[in-house]
Amino acid sequence: MEFDGKSIIVTGGSLGMGRACAERFANAGAQVLIVSNDRNSLDKAVKEIGGKTSGCAGDVRSVPDMRDAVEQAVARHGGVDILVCSAGIQRYGTVVDTPEDTWDDVLDINLKGVYLASKFAIPEMKKRGGGAIIAISSIQSYASQTNVAAYTASKGGINALVRAMALDHAADNITVNAVCPASIDTPMLRWAADRFKGDLTQDEMIAQWGKGHPIGRVGRQEEVADLVAFLASDKARFITGADMKIDGGTMAKLGIVLPD
């Protein structure tokens, strides 16, 4: 039970990679507080994960909500040891055709959400003598596909923010790292598959995207959760300010292919 007794907050923890992280920590003995603005998926996740898992309805863009989430973790579990920032959305468009309110939503949820959760969690971590923050970024923080201007900007911002927080709070024994996945089989990816599949089925579209990864498939949520758990563990105390790819080799691959 490697996280026995640890108090962990997971934003966006009711679906996708966030839920996989919440399950991973709960199965390892942690007291997990899931934060989500989707009450239905939040209640479902808390019930199905069980253990010492509880929920907190809140919007990562809201100062009062994020302050309240941290206060609830302190009240229920005695403090905060680990924060996983997994709340995120994907929207498509160039800077020309992305509406301002869509831009604001993507930046606020994906990037401001990390800032606000960390803002209130860090003082509580300091009281415990240290902690760990892991933010879910993307390989699109390094390179971009087309028509994802807001999303790519938000993920690049996460990596930069992680570096800044890692330096600012190293003396507090708080590590801060980013996890940068490629395509992972999540509800968000399946939403995108429905949008672009044309005559294909959803599974066929995802399998086609998987062929773009040298390993030949998209990733699994549990694989991301295992990396997050490692970065949150005592085995990773000398790792901070890092952005770690979990991408099936995607970023190692050049677009230039030699002839057979």
C-alpha atoms as a PDB file:
ATOM      1  CA  MET A   1       0.000   0.000   0.000  1.00  0.00           C
ATOM      2  CA  GLU A   2       2.519   2.557  -1.223  1.00  0.00           C
ATOM      3  CA  PHE A   3       0.196   5.549  -0.669  1.00  0.00           C
ATOM      4  CA  ASP A   4      -1.393   4.360   2.559  1.00  0.00           C
ATOM      5  CA  GLY A   5      -2.580   7.373   4.550  1.00  0.00           C
ATOM      6  CA  LYS A   6      -1.682   9.903   1.869  1.00  0.00           C
ATOM      7  CA  SER A   7      -4.168  12.689   1.112  1.00  0.00           C
ATOM      8  CA  ILE A   8      -4.542  13.146  -2.636  1.00  0.00           C
ATOM      9  CA  ILE A   9      -6.605  15.585  -4.696  1.00  0.00           C
ATOM     10  CA  VAL A  10      -7.358  14.735  -8.329  1.00  0.00           C
ATOM     11  CA  THR A  11      -9.003  17.461 -10.386  1.00  0.00           C
ATOM     12  CA  GLY A  12     -10.951  16.156 -13.347  1.00  0.00           C
ATOM     13  CA  GLY A  13     -10.857  12.838 -11.523  1.00  0.00           C
ATOM     14  CA  SER A  14     -14.291  11.547 -12.468  1.00  0.00           C
ATOM     15  CA  LEU A  15     -13.458  10.651 -16.089  1.00  0.00           C
ATOM     16  CA  GLY A  16     -10.577   9.617 -18.321  1.00  0.00           C
ATOM     17  CA  MET A  17      -6.997   9.775 -17.149  1.00  0.00           C
ATOM     18  CA  GLY A  18      -8.030  11.572 -13.961  1.00  0.00           C
ATOM     19  CA  ARG A  19     -10.324   8.739 -12.962  1.00  0.00           C
ATOM     20  CA  ALA A  20      -7.623   6.175 -13.737  1.00  0.00           C
ATOM     21  CA  CYS A  21      -5.282   8.127 -11.432  1.00  0.00           C
ATOM     22  CA  ALA A  22      -7.901   8.270  -8.680  1.00  0.00           C
ATOM     23  CA  GLU A  23      -8.398   4.503  -8.938  1.00  0.00           C
ATOM     24  CA  ARG A  24      -4.640   3.859  -8.941  1.00  0.00           C
ATOM     25  CA  PHE A  25      -4.141   5.873  -5.759  1.00  0.00           C
ATOM     26  CA  ALA A  26      -7.230   4.497  -4.024  1.00  0.00           C
ATOM     27  CA  ASN A  27      -6.097   0.939  -4.720  1.00  0.00           C
ATOM     28  CA  ALA A  28      -2.778   1.815  -3.108  1.00  0.00           C
ATOM     29  CA  GLY A  29      -4.415   2.929   0.144  1.00  0.00           C
ATOM     30  CA  ALA A  30      -4.701   6.683  -0.409  1.00  0.00           C
ATOM     31  CA  GLN A  31      -7.452   8.996   0.739  1.00  0.00           C
ATOM     32  CA  VAL A  32      -8.568  10.488  -2.572  1.00  0.00           C
ATOM     33  CA  LEU A  33     -10.682  13.592  -3.108  1.00  0.00           C
ATOM     34  CA  ILE A  34     -12.016  13.795  -6.662  1.00  0.00           C
ATOM     35  CA  VAL A  35     -12.894  17.275  -7.913  1.00  0.00           C
ATOM     36  CA  SER A  36     -15.258  17.604 -10.874  1.00  0.00           C
ATOM     37  CA  ASN A  37     -17.960  19.946 -12.122  1.00  0.00           C
ATOM     38  CA  ASP A  38     -19.908  16.981 -13.536  1.00  0.00           C
ATOM     39  CA  ARG A  39     -22.014  15.768 -10.617  1.00  0.00           C
ATOM     40  CA  ASN A  40     -23.244  12.610 -12.366  1.00  0.00           C
ATOM     41  CA  SER A  41     -19.800  11.287 -13.287  1.00  0.00           C
ATOM     42  CA  LEU A  42     -18.435  12.435  -9.913  1.00  0.00           C
ATOM     43  CA  ASP A  43     -20.992  10.461  -7.930  1.00  0.00           C
ATOM     44  CA  LYS A  44     -20.515   7.436 -10.202  1.00  0.00           C
ATOM     45  CA  ALA A  45     -16.724   7.507  -9.830  1.00  0.00           C
ATOM     46  CA  VAL A  46     -16.828   7.825  -6.036  1.00  0.00           C
ATOM     47  CA  LYS A  47     -19.264   4.923  -5.774  1.00  0.00           C
ATOM     48  CA  GLU A  48     -17.399   2.640  -8.162  1.00  0.00           C
ATOM     49  CA  ILE A  49     -13.881   3.361  -6.893  1.00  0.00           C
ATOM     50  CA  GLY A  50     -14.892   3.007  -3.258  1.00  0.00           C
ATOM     51  CA  GLY A  51     -12.278   2.746  -0.553  1.00  0.00           C
ATOM     52  CA  LYS A  52     -11.367   6.080   0.989  1.00  0.00           C
ATOM     53  CA  THR A  53     -12.552   8.037  -2.052  1.00  0.00           C
ATOM     54  CA  SER A  54     -14.813  11.062  -1.761  1.00  0.00           C
ATOM     55  CA  GLY A  55     -16.049  13.735  -4.120  1.00  0.00           C
ATOM     56  CA  CYS A  56     -16.142  17.506  -4.273  1.00  0.00           C
ATOM     57  CA  ALA A  57     -18.242  19.296  -6.873  1.00  0.00           C
ATOM     58  CA  GLY A  58     -16.249  22.232  -8.144  1.00  0.00           C
ATOM     59  CA  ASP A  59     -15.029  24.165 -11.173  1.00  0.00           C
ATOM     60  CA  VAL A  60     -11.245  24.421 -11.556  1.00  0.00           C
ATOM     61  CA  ARG A  61     -11.699  27.940 -12.962  1.00  0.00           C
ATOM     62  CA  SER A  62     -13.261  29.166  -9.715  1.00  0.00           C
ATOM     63  CA  VAL A  63     -11.229  30.575  -6.831  1.00  0.00           C
ATOM     64  CA  PRO A  64     -13.919  29.770  -4.223  1.00  0.00           C
ATOM     65  CA  ASP A  65     -14.378  26.240  -5.588  1.00  0.00           C
ATOM     66  CA  MET A  66     -10.684  25.387  -5.571  1.00  0.00           C
ATOM     67  CA  ARG A  67     -10.171  26.916  -2.138  1.00  0.00           C
ATOM     68  CA  ASP A  68     -13.123  24.852  -0.913  1.00  0.00           C
ATOM     69  CA  ALA A  69     -11.755  21.649  -2.486  1.00  0.00           C
ATOM     70  CA  VAL A  70      -8.459  22.011  -0.646  1.00  0.00           C
ATOM     71  CA  GLU A  71     -10.242  22.888   2.578  1.00  0.00           C
ATOM     72  CA  GLN A  72     -12.373  19.765   2.216  1.00  0.00           C
ATOM     73  CA  ALA A  73      -9.282  17.606   1.718  1.00  0.00           C
ATOM     74  CA  VAL A  74      -7.779  19.093   4.868  1.00  0.00           C
ATOM     75  CA  ALA A  75     -10.970  18.612   6.872  1.00  0.00           C
ATOM     76  CA  ARG A  76     -11.496  15.022   5.717  1.00  0.00           C
ATOM     77  CA  HIS A  77      -7.921  13.779   5.494  1.00  0.00           C
ATOM     78  CA  GLY A  78      -5.866  16.108   7.676  1.00  0.00           C
ATOM     79  CA  GLY A  79      -3.938  17.846   4.908  1.00  0.00           C
ATOM     80  CA  VAL A  80      -2.756  17.537   1.305  1.00  0.00           C
ATOM     81  CA  ASP A  81       0.190  15.418   0.170  1.00  0.00           C
ATOM     82  CA  ILE A  82      -0.327  15.028  -3.576  1.00  0.00           C
ATOM     83  CA  LEU A  83      -2.171  17.034  -6.221  1.00  0.00           C
ATOM     84  CA  VAL A  84      -2.963  15.677  -9.680  1.00  0.00           C
ATOM     85  CA  CYS A  85      -4.263  18.284 -12.128  1.00  0.00           C
ATOM     86  CA  SER A  86      -6.118  16.338 -14.794  1.00  0.00           C
ATOM     87  CA  ALA A  87      -9.066  18.585 -15.645  1.00  0.00           C
ATOM     88  CA  GLY A  88      -8.980  19.489 -19.302  1.00  0.00           C
ATOM     89  CA  ILE A  89     -10.932  20.014 -22.507  1.00  0.00           C
ATOM     90  CA  GLN A  90     -10.115  19.878 -26.217  1.00  0.00           C
ATOM     91  CA  ARG A  91     -11.528  22.300 -28.762  1.00  0.00           C
ATOM     92  CA  TYR A  92     -10.653  22.676 -32.427  1.00  0.00           C
ATOM     93  CA  GLY A  93      -9.887  25.791 -34.427  1.00  0.00           C
ATOM     94  CA  THR A  94      -7.244  28.225 -35.625  1.00  0.00           C
ATOM     95  CA  VAL A  95      -6.748  31.570 -33.900  1.00  0.00           C
ATOM     96  CA  VAL A  96      -8.887  33.085 -36.651  1.00  0.00           C
ATOM     97  CA  ASP A  97     -11.950  30.898 -36.205  1.00  0.00           C
ATOM     98  CA  THR A  98     -11.711  30.126 -32.471  1.00  0.00           C
ATOM     99  CA  PRO A  99     -14.264  32.301 -30.640  1.00  0.00           C
ATOM    100  CA  GLU A 100     -12.888  34.289 -27.737  1.00  0.00           C
ATOM    101  CA  ASP A 101     -15.100  32.516 -25.223  1.00  0.00           C
ATOM    102  CA  THR A 102     -13.846  29.131 -26.474  1.00  0.00           C
ATOM    103  CA  TRP A 103     -10.243  30.317 -26.152  1.00  0.00           C
ATOM    104  CA  ASP A 104     -10.962  31.488 -22.612  1.00  0.00           C
ATOM    105  CA  ASP A 105     -12.620  28.190 -21.672  1.00  0.00           C
ATOM    106  CA  VAL A 106      -9.678  26.101 -22.895  1.00  0.00           C
ATOM    107  CA  LEU A 107      -7.020  28.275 -21.258  1.00  0.00           C
ATOM    108  CA  ASP A 108      -8.996  28.638 -18.032  1.00  0.00           C
ATOM    109  CA  ILE A 109      -9.761  24.949 -17.573  1.00  0.00           C
ATOM    110  CA  ASN A 110      -6.487  23.502 -18.837  1.00  0.00           C
ATOM    111  CA  LEU A 111      -4.005  26.076 -17.523  1.00  0.00           C
ATOM    112  CA  LYS A 112      -5.660  28.319 -14.967  1.00  0.00           C
ATOM    113  CA  GLY A 113      -7.024  25.180 -13.317  1.00  0.00           C
ATOM    114  CA  VAL A 114      -3.471  24.036 -12.570  1.00  0.00           C
ATOM    115  CA  TYR A 115      -2.596  27.457 -11.181  1.00  0.00           C
ATOM    116  CA  LEU A 116      -5.615  27.667  -8.870  1.00  0.00           C
ATOM    117  CA  ALA A 117      -5.407  24.101  -7.557  1.00  0.00           C
ATOM    118  CA  SER A 118      -1.702  24.543  -6.851  1.00  0.00           C
ATOM    119  CA  LYS A 119      -2.222  27.990  -5.314  1.00  0.00           C
ATOM    120  CA  PHE A 120      -4.311  26.530  -2.504  1.00  0.00           C
ATOM    121  CA  ALA A 121      -2.711  23.080  -2.237  1.00  0.00           C
ATOM    122  CA  ILE A 122       0.917  24.200  -1.873  1.00  0.00           C
ATOM    123  CA  PRO A 123       0.514  25.959   1.506  1.00  0.00           C
ATOM    124  CA  GLU A 124      -1.070  22.777   2.880  1.00  0.00           C
ATOM    125  CA  MET A 125       1.743  20.630   1.451  1.00  0.00           C
ATOM    126  CA  LYS A 126       4.271  22.864   3.169  1.00  0.00           C
ATOM    127  CA  LYS A 127       2.575  22.153   6.498  1.00  0.00           C
ATOM    128  CA  ARG A 128       3.137  18.422   5.845  1.00  0.00           C
ATOM    129  CA  GLY A 129       6.813  18.920   5.058  1.00  0.00           C
ATOM    130  CA  GLY A 130       6.495  18.567   1.295  1.00  0.00           C
ATOM    131  CA  GLY A 131       4.462  16.973  -1.431  1.00  0.00           C
ATOM    132  CA  ALA A 132       4.100  16.313  -5.131  1.00  0.00           C
ATOM    133  CA  ILE A 133       2.162  17.988  -7.942  1.00  0.00           C
ATOM    134  CA  ILE A 134       1.617  16.277 -11.285  1.00  0.00           C
ATOM    135  CA  ALA A 135      -0.112  18.087 -14.142  1.00  0.00           C
ATOM    136  CA  ILE A 136      -1.477  16.271 -17.178  1.00  0.00           C
ATOM    137  CA  SER A 137      -0.101  18.035 -20.239  1.00  0.00           C
ATOM    138  CA  SER A 138       0.247  16.624 -23.772  1.00  0.00           C
ATOM    139  CA  ILE A 139       2.814  15.941 -26.466  1.00  0.00           C
ATOM    140  CA  GLN A 140       1.125  18.890 -28.157  1.00  0.00           C
ATOM    141  CA  SER A 141       3.105  21.010 -25.727  1.00  0.00           C
ATOM    142  CA  TYR A 142       6.116  20.147 -27.942  1.00  0.00           C
ATOM    143  CA  ALA A 143       4.607  19.887 -31.444  1.00  0.00           C
ATOM    144  CA  SER A 144       1.174  20.619 -32.787  1.00  0.00           C
ATOM    145  CA  GLN A 145      -1.330  19.239 -35.213  1.00  0.00           C
ATOM    146  CA  THR A 146      -3.425  21.733 -37.159  1.00  0.00           C
ATOM    147  CA  ASN A 147      -6.560  23.448 -35.859  1.00  0.00           C
ATOM    148  CA  VAL A 148      -5.838  23.151 -32.141  1.00  0.00           C
ATOM    149  CA  ALA A 149      -4.455  26.623 -31.394  1.00  0.00           C
ATOM    150  CA  ALA A 150      -6.042  27.077 -27.969  1.00  0.00           C
ATOM    151  CA  TYR A 151      -5.390  23.518 -26.818  1.00  0.00           C
ATOM    152  CA  THR A 152      -1.727  23.567 -27.850  1.00  0.00           C
ATOM    153  CA  ALA A 153      -1.205  26.950 -26.195  1.00  0.00           C
ATOM    154  CA  SER A 154      -2.722  25.690 -22.957  1.00  0.00           C
ATOM    155  CA  LYS A 155      -0.535  22.580 -22.864  1.00  0.00           C
ATOM    156  CA  GLY A 156       2.640  24.520 -23.615  1.00  0.00           C
ATOM    157  CA  GLY A 157       1.667  26.834 -20.782  1.00  0.00           C
ATOM    158  CA  ILE A 158       1.319  23.889 -18.396  1.00  0.00           C
ATOM    159  CA  ASN A 159       4.894  22.769 -19.073  1.00  0.00           C
ATOM    160  CA  ALA A 160       6.219  26.275 -18.493  1.00  0.00           C
ATOM    161  CA  LEU A 161       4.180  26.685 -15.307  1.00  0.00           C
ATOM    162  CA  VAL A 162       5.422  23.331 -14.012  1.00  0.00           C
ATOM    163  CA  ARG A 163       9.035  24.460 -14.441  1.00  0.00           C
ATOM    164  CA  ALA A 164       8.344  27.710 -12.609  1.00  0.00           C
ATOM    165  CA  MET A 165       6.571  26.012  -9.697  1.00  0.00           C
ATOM    166  CA  ALA A 166       9.282  23.358  -9.447  1.00  0.00           C
ATOM    167  CA  LEU A 167      11.905  26.067  -8.931  1.00  0.00           C
ATOM    168  CA  ASP A 168       9.791  28.197  -6.630  1.00  0.00           C
ATOM    169  CA  HIS A 169       8.931  25.326  -4.284  1.00  0.00           C
ATOM    170  CA  ALA A 170      11.970  23.045  -4.405  1.00  0.00           C
ATOM    171  CA  ALA A 171      13.091  24.369  -1.036  1.00  0.00           C
ATOM    172  CA  ASP A 172       9.679  23.364   0.363  1.00  0.00           C
ATOM    173  CA  ASN A 173      10.338  19.733  -0.635  1.00  0.00           C
ATOM    174  CA  ILE A 174       7.526  19.922  -3.205  1.00  0.00           C
ATOM    175  CA  THR A 175       8.160  18.305  -6.573  1.00  0.00           C
ATOM    176  CA  VAL A 176       6.249  19.509  -9.635  1.00  0.00           C
ATOM    177  CA  ASN A 177       6.182  17.570 -12.901  1.00  0.00           C
ATOM    178  CA  ALA A 178       4.149  17.274 -16.083  1.00  0.00           C
ATOM    179  CA  VAL A 179       3.026  14.100 -17.824  1.00  0.00           C
ATOM    180  CA  CYS A 180       2.694  14.470 -21.585  1.00  0.00           C
ATOM    181  CA  PRO A 181       0.607  11.766 -23.240  1.00  0.00           C
ATOM    182  CA  ALA A 182      -0.022  11.135 -26.915  1.00  0.00           C
ATOM    183  CA  SER A 183      -3.408   9.670 -27.874  1.00  0.00           C
ATOM    184  CA  ILE A 184      -4.944   7.877 -24.895  1.00  0.00           C
ATOM    185  CA  ASP A 185      -8.223   5.955 -25.036  1.00  0.00           C
ATOM    186  CA  THR A 186     -10.386   8.294 -22.968  1.00  0.00           C
ATOM    187  CA  PRO A 187     -13.879   9.765 -23.315  1.00  0.00           C
ATOM    188  CA  MET A 188     -12.225  12.877 -24.778  1.00  0.00           C
ATOM    189  CA  LEU A 189     -10.469  10.867 -27.484  1.00  0.00           C
ATOM    190  CA  ARG A 190     -13.703   9.041 -28.291  1.00  0.00           C
ATOM    191  CA  TRP A 191     -15.490  12.388 -28.538  1.00  0.00           C
ATOM    192  CA  ALA A 192     -12.877  13.465 -31.084  1.00  0.00           C
ATOM    193  CA  ALA A 193     -13.184  10.130 -32.909  1.00  0.00           C
ATOM    194  CA  ASP A 194     -16.933  10.667 -33.279  1.00  0.00           C
ATOM    195  CA  ARG A 195     -16.247  14.094 -34.734  1.00  0.00           C
ATOM    196  CA  PHE A 196     -13.780  12.924 -37.378  1.00  0.00           C
ATOM    197  CA  LYS A 197     -14.646   9.280 -38.087  1.00  0.00           C
ATOM    198  CA  GLY A 198     -16.732   9.860 -41.220  1.00  0.00           C
ATOM    199  CA  ASP A 199     -17.865   6.432 -42.419  1.00  0.00           C
ATOM    200  CA  LEU A 200     -15.644   4.607 -39.927  1.00  0.00           C
ATOM    201  CA  THR A 201     -16.762   3.332 -36.559  1.00  0.00           C
ATOM    202  CA  GLN A 202     -15.419   4.997 -33.452  1.00  0.00           C
ATOM    203  CA  ASP A 203     -13.136   2.033 -32.753  1.00  0.00           C
ATOM    204  CA  GLU A 204     -11.850   2.033 -36.335  1.00  0.00           C
ATOM    205  CA  MET A 205     -11.001   5.726 -36.089  1.00  0.00           C
ATOM    206  CA  ILE A 206      -9.105   5.191 -32.846  1.00  0.00           C
ATOM    207  CA  ALA A 207      -7.267   2.210 -34.324  1.00  0.00           C
ATOM    208  CA  GLN A 208      -6.289   4.368 -37.306  1.00  0.00           C
ATOM    209  CA  TRP A 209      -4.914   7.044 -34.973  1.00  0.00           C
ATOM    210  CA  GLY A 210      -3.066   4.305 -33.120  1.00  0.00           C
ATOM    211  CA  LYS A 211      -1.126   3.443 -36.274  1.00  0.00           C
ATOM    212  CA  GLY A 212       0.464   6.895 -36.066  1.00  0.00           C
ATOM    213  CA  HIS A 213       2.269   5.802 -32.894  1.00  0.00           C
ATOM    214  CA  PRO A 214       5.391   3.667 -33.431  1.00  0.00           C
ATOM    215  CA  ILE A 215       4.081   1.150 -30.889  1.00  0.00           C
ATOM    216  CA  GLY A 216       1.038   0.782 -33.142  1.00  0.00           C
ATOM    217  CA  ARG A 217      -1.816   1.657 -30.804  1.00  0.00           C
ATOM    218  CA  VAL A 218      -3.176   4.437 -28.631  1.00  0.00           C
ATOM    219  CA  GLY A 219      -2.310   4.388 -24.944  1.00  0.00           C
ATOM    220  CA  ARG A 220      -4.407   3.192 -22.042  1.00  0.00           C
ATOM    221  CA  GLN A 221      -5.538   5.367 -19.150  1.00  0.00           C
ATOM    222  CA  GLU A 222      -3.969   2.943 -16.669  1.00  0.00           C
ATOM    223  CA  GLU A 223      -0.559   3.415 -18.278  1.00  0.00           C
ATOM    224  CA  VAL A 224      -0.752   7.146 -17.656  1.00  0.00           C
ATOM    225  CA  ALA A 225      -1.910   6.531 -14.081  1.00  0.00           C
ATOM    226  CA  ASP A 226       1.121   4.321 -13.425  1.00  0.00           C
ATOM    227  CA  LEU A 227       3.481   7.114 -14.527  1.00  0.00           C
ATOM    228  CA  VAL A 228       1.614   9.659 -12.406  1.00  0.00           C
ATOM    229  CA  ALA A 229       1.822   7.338  -9.400  1.00  0.00           C
ATOM    230  CA  PHE A 230       5.567   6.934  -9.900  1.00  0.00           C
ATOM    231  CA  LEU A 231       6.095  10.710  -9.989  1.00  0.00           C
ATOM    232  CA  ALA A 232       3.996  11.047  -6.829  1.00  0.00           C
ATOM    233  CA  SER A 233       5.932   8.341  -5.009  1.00  0.00           C
ATOM    234  CA  ASP A 234       9.019   8.477  -2.808  1.00  0.00           C
ATOM    235  CA  LYS A 235      10.963   6.835  -5.654  1.00  0.00           C
ATOM    236  CA  ALA A 236      10.769  10.082  -7.634  1.00  0.00           C
ATOM    237  CA  ARG A 237      11.839  12.627  -5.016  1.00  0.00           C
ATOM    238  CA  PHE A 238      14.833  13.743  -7.135  1.00  0.00           C
ATOM    239  CA  ILE A 239      12.639  14.409 -10.187  1.00  0.00           C
ATOM    240  CA  THR A 240      11.157  17.893 -10.448  1.00  0.00           C
ATOM    241  CA  GLY A 241      10.538  20.418 -13.189  1.00  0.00           C
ATOM    242  CA  ALA A 242      10.327  17.566 -15.699  1.00  0.00           C
ATOM    243  CA  ASP A 243       7.893  16.979 -18.541  1.00  0.00           C
ATOM    244  CA  MET A 244       7.700  13.275 -19.249  1.00  0.00           C
ATOM    245  CA  LYS A 245       6.420  11.861 -22.521  1.00  0.00           C
ATOM    246  CA  ILE A 246       4.182   8.804 -22.510  1.00  0.00           C
ATOM    247  CA  ASP A 247       3.551   8.607 -26.218  1.00  0.00           C
ATOM    248  CA  GLY A 248       4.365   5.201 -27.681  1.00  0.00           C
ATOM    249  CA  GLY A 249       7.442   6.691 -29.343  1.00  0.00           C
ATOM    250  CA  THR A 250       5.522   9.378 -31.232  1.00  0.00           C
ATOM    251  CA  MET A 251       7.861  12.272 -30.488  1.00  0.00           C
ATOM    252  CA  ALA A 252      10.910  10.166 -31.362  1.00  0.00           C
ATOM    253  CA  LYS A 253       9.658   9.754 -34.927  1.00  0.00           C
ATOM    254  CA  LEU A 254      10.522  12.017 -37.860  1.00  0.00           C
ATOM    255  CA  GLY A 255       8.064  12.499 -40.668  1.00  0.00           C
ATOM    256  CA  ILE A 256      10.794  11.636 -43.198  1.00  0.00           C
ATOM    257  CA  VAL A 257      10.674   7.973 -44.187  1.00  0.00           C
ATOM    258  CA  LEU A 258      13.507   6.233 -46.031  1.00  0.00           C
ATOM    259  CA  PRO A 259      12.537   4.206 -49.081  1.00  0.00           C
ATOM    260  CA  ASP A 260      12.443   0.423 -48.728  1.00  0.00           C
END
